[in-house]
Amino acid sequence: MKFPQTNITKLSRKAVLSITKIIVVSLFFLIGVMKGVMNIVIQNGSKTKANTPVNISEKSKISPKNTPIPIRDSFGFPIKKDNANA
């Protein structure tokens, strides 16, 4: 026996289907985003960067010999002749 379908039942069925579709699509989207984030974190976390600073003790440094007097300071400005020996 088939029951007559009214506009309210059709509307409620469409509403339930659309809400279910939105929930399913958002869950798949969130799972995909989380998978991508975890993939990036795992790949970047296991690598050591080339510019990672290394702690070098003062005793292990070799002092340079026969180096010329610098003509520029640490900021790149020319050193004046009267401050060169300071």
C-alpha atoms as a PDB file:
ATOM      1  CA  MET A   1       0.000   0.000   0.000  1.00  0.00           C
ATOM      2  CA  LYS A   2       1.412   3.323  -1.065  1.00  0.00           C
ATOM      3  CA  PHE A   3       0.881   6.399   1.068  1.00  0.00           C
ATOM      4  CA  PRO A   4       0.201   9.701  -0.659  1.00  0.00           C
ATOM      5  CA  GLN A   5       3.153  12.063  -0.600  1.00  0.00           C
ATOM      6  CA  THR A   6       2.439  15.610   0.288  1.00  0.00           C
ATOM      7  CA  ASN A   7       4.607  18.645  -0.276  1.00  0.00           C
ATOM      8  CA  ILE A   8       5.694  18.627   3.373  1.00  0.00           C
ATOM      9  CA  THR A   9       7.107  15.100   3.189  1.00  0.00           C
ATOM     10  CA  LYS A  10       8.907  15.889  -0.069  1.00  0.00           C
ATOM     11  CA  LEU A  11      10.331  19.048   1.464  1.00  0.00           C
ATOM     12  CA  SER A  12      11.431  17.308   4.647  1.00  0.00           C
ATOM     13  CA  ARG A  13      13.049  14.497   2.649  1.00  0.00           C
ATOM     14  CA  LYS A  14      14.977  17.063   0.567  1.00  0.00           C
ATOM     15  CA  ALA A  15      16.045  18.910   3.703  1.00  0.00           C
ATOM     16  CA  VAL A  16      17.304  15.734   5.365  1.00  0.00           C
ATOM     17  CA  LEU A  17      19.181  14.698   2.217  1.00  0.00           C
ATOM     18  CA  SER A  18      20.785  18.116   1.783  1.00  0.00           C
ATOM     19  CA  ILE A  19      21.835  18.288   5.450  1.00  0.00           C
ATOM     20  CA  THR A  20      23.279  14.775   5.221  1.00  0.00           C
ATOM     21  CA  LYS A  21      25.120  15.701   2.034  1.00  0.00           C
ATOM     22  CA  ILE A  22      26.610  18.818   3.667  1.00  0.00           C
ATOM     23  CA  ILE A  23      27.774  16.823   6.694  1.00  0.00           C
ATOM     24  CA  VAL A  24      29.358  14.079   4.565  1.00  0.00           C
ATOM     25  CA  VAL A  25      31.119  16.525   2.239  1.00  0.00           C
ATOM     26  CA  SER A  26      32.449  18.573   5.171  1.00  0.00           C
ATOM     27  CA  LEU A  27      33.733  15.417   6.886  1.00  0.00           C
ATOM     28  CA  PHE A  28      35.575  14.331   3.743  1.00  0.00           C
ATOM     29  CA  PHE A  29      36.998  17.843   3.362  1.00  0.00           C
ATOM     30  CA  LEU A  30      38.212  17.931   6.972  1.00  0.00           C
ATOM     31  CA  ILE A  31      39.764  14.471   6.663  1.00  0.00           C
ATOM     32  CA  GLY A  32      41.591  15.565   3.493  1.00  0.00           C
ATOM     33  CA  VAL A  33      42.855  18.774   5.082  1.00  0.00           C
ATOM     34  CA  MET A  34      44.044  16.969   8.205  1.00  0.00           C
ATOM     35  CA  LYS A  35      45.790  14.337   6.070  1.00  0.00           C
ATOM     36  CA  GLY A  36      47.600  17.077   4.131  1.00  0.00           C
ATOM     37  CA  VAL A  37      48.615  18.921   7.287  1.00  0.00           C
ATOM     38  CA  MET A  38      49.894  15.742   8.909  1.00  0.00           C
ATOM     39  CA  ASN A  39      51.806  14.874   5.742  1.00  0.00           C
ATOM     40  CA  ILE A  40      53.531  18.285   5.747  1.00  0.00           C
ATOM     41  CA  VAL A  41      54.313  18.080   9.463  1.00  0.00           C
ATOM     42  CA  ILE A  42      55.751  14.583   9.179  1.00  0.00           C
ATOM     43  CA  GLN A  43      57.893  15.413   6.140  1.00  0.00           C
ATOM     44  CA  ASN A  44      59.253  18.704   7.508  1.00  0.00           C
ATOM     45  CA  GLY A  45      59.704  17.382  11.026  1.00  0.00           C
ATOM     46  CA  SER A  46      62.040  14.580  10.003  1.00  0.00           C
ATOM     47  CA  LYS A  47      64.375  16.745   7.916  1.00  0.00           C
ATOM     48  CA  THR A  48      67.169  18.806   9.375  1.00  0.00           C
ATOM     49  CA  LYS A  49      67.579  22.147   7.724  1.00  0.00           C
ATOM     50  CA  ALA A  50      70.844  23.101   6.056  1.00  0.00           C
ATOM     51  CA  ASN A  51      71.040  26.429   7.872  1.00  0.00           C
ATOM     52  CA  THR A  52      70.514  24.992  11.333  1.00  0.00           C
ATOM     53  CA  PRO A  53      72.904  26.758  13.702  1.00  0.00           C
ATOM     54  CA  VAL A  54      75.453  24.462  15.254  1.00  0.00           C
ATOM     55  CA  ASN A  55      76.851  25.148  18.687  1.00  0.00           C
ATOM     56  CA  ILE A  56      80.633  25.364  18.360  1.00  0.00           C
ATOM     57  CA  SER A  57      82.663  25.836  21.482  1.00  0.00           C
ATOM     58  CA  GLU A  58      85.309  28.533  21.628  1.00  0.00           C
ATOM     59  CA  LYS A  59      88.035  25.930  22.242  1.00  0.00           C
ATOM     60  CA  SER A  60      87.368  24.106  18.987  1.00  0.00           C
ATOM     61  CA  LYS A  61      87.634  27.215  16.813  1.00  0.00           C
ATOM     62  CA  ILE A  62      90.864  27.645  14.906  1.00  0.00           C
ATOM     63  CA  SER A  63      92.222  31.152  15.086  1.00  0.00           C
ATOM     64  CA  PRO A  64      93.075  32.605  11.666  1.00  0.00           C
ATOM     65  CA  LYS A  65      96.704  33.457  10.925  1.00  0.00           C
ATOM     66  CA  ASN A  66      98.096  36.071   8.580  1.00  0.00           C
ATOM     67  CA  THR A  67      94.710  37.672   7.990  1.00  0.00           C
ATOM     68  CA  PRO A  68      94.671  41.199   6.601  1.00  0.00           C
ATOM     69  CA  ILE A  69      93.212  44.096   8.560  1.00  0.00           C
ATOM     70  CA  PRO A  70      89.504  44.313   7.731  1.00  0.00           C
ATOM     71  CA  ILE A  71      88.441  47.271   5.603  1.00  0.00           C
ATOM     72  CA  ARG A  72      84.768  47.017   6.503  1.00  0.00           C
ATOM     73  CA  ASP A  73      83.023  46.660   9.861  1.00  0.00           C
ATOM     74  CA  SER A  74      80.323  44.102  10.679  1.00  0.00           C
ATOM     75  CA  PHE A  75      77.644  46.352   9.133  1.00  0.00           C
ATOM     76  CA  GLY A  76      79.538  46.700   5.839  1.00  0.00           C
ATOM     77  CA  PHE A  77      80.658  50.304   6.307  1.00  0.00           C
ATOM     78  CA  PRO A  78      84.270  51.237   5.565  1.00  0.00           C
ATOM     79  CA  ILE A  79      86.501  51.425   8.620  1.00  0.00           C
ATOM     80  CA  LYS A  80      88.265  54.754   9.123  1.00  0.00           C
ATOM     81  CA  LYS A  81      92.050  54.681   9.245  1.00  0.00           C
ATOM     82  CA  ASP A  82      92.231  56.003  12.831  1.00  0.00           C
ATOM     83  CA  ASN A  83      89.800  53.254  14.082  1.00  0.00           C
ATOM     84  CA  ALA A  84      91.413  50.395  12.139  1.00  0.00           C
ATOM     85  CA  ASN A  85      93.744  49.398  14.981  1.00  0.00           C
ATOM     86  CA  ALA A  86      91.131  49.731  17.728  1.00  0.00           C
END
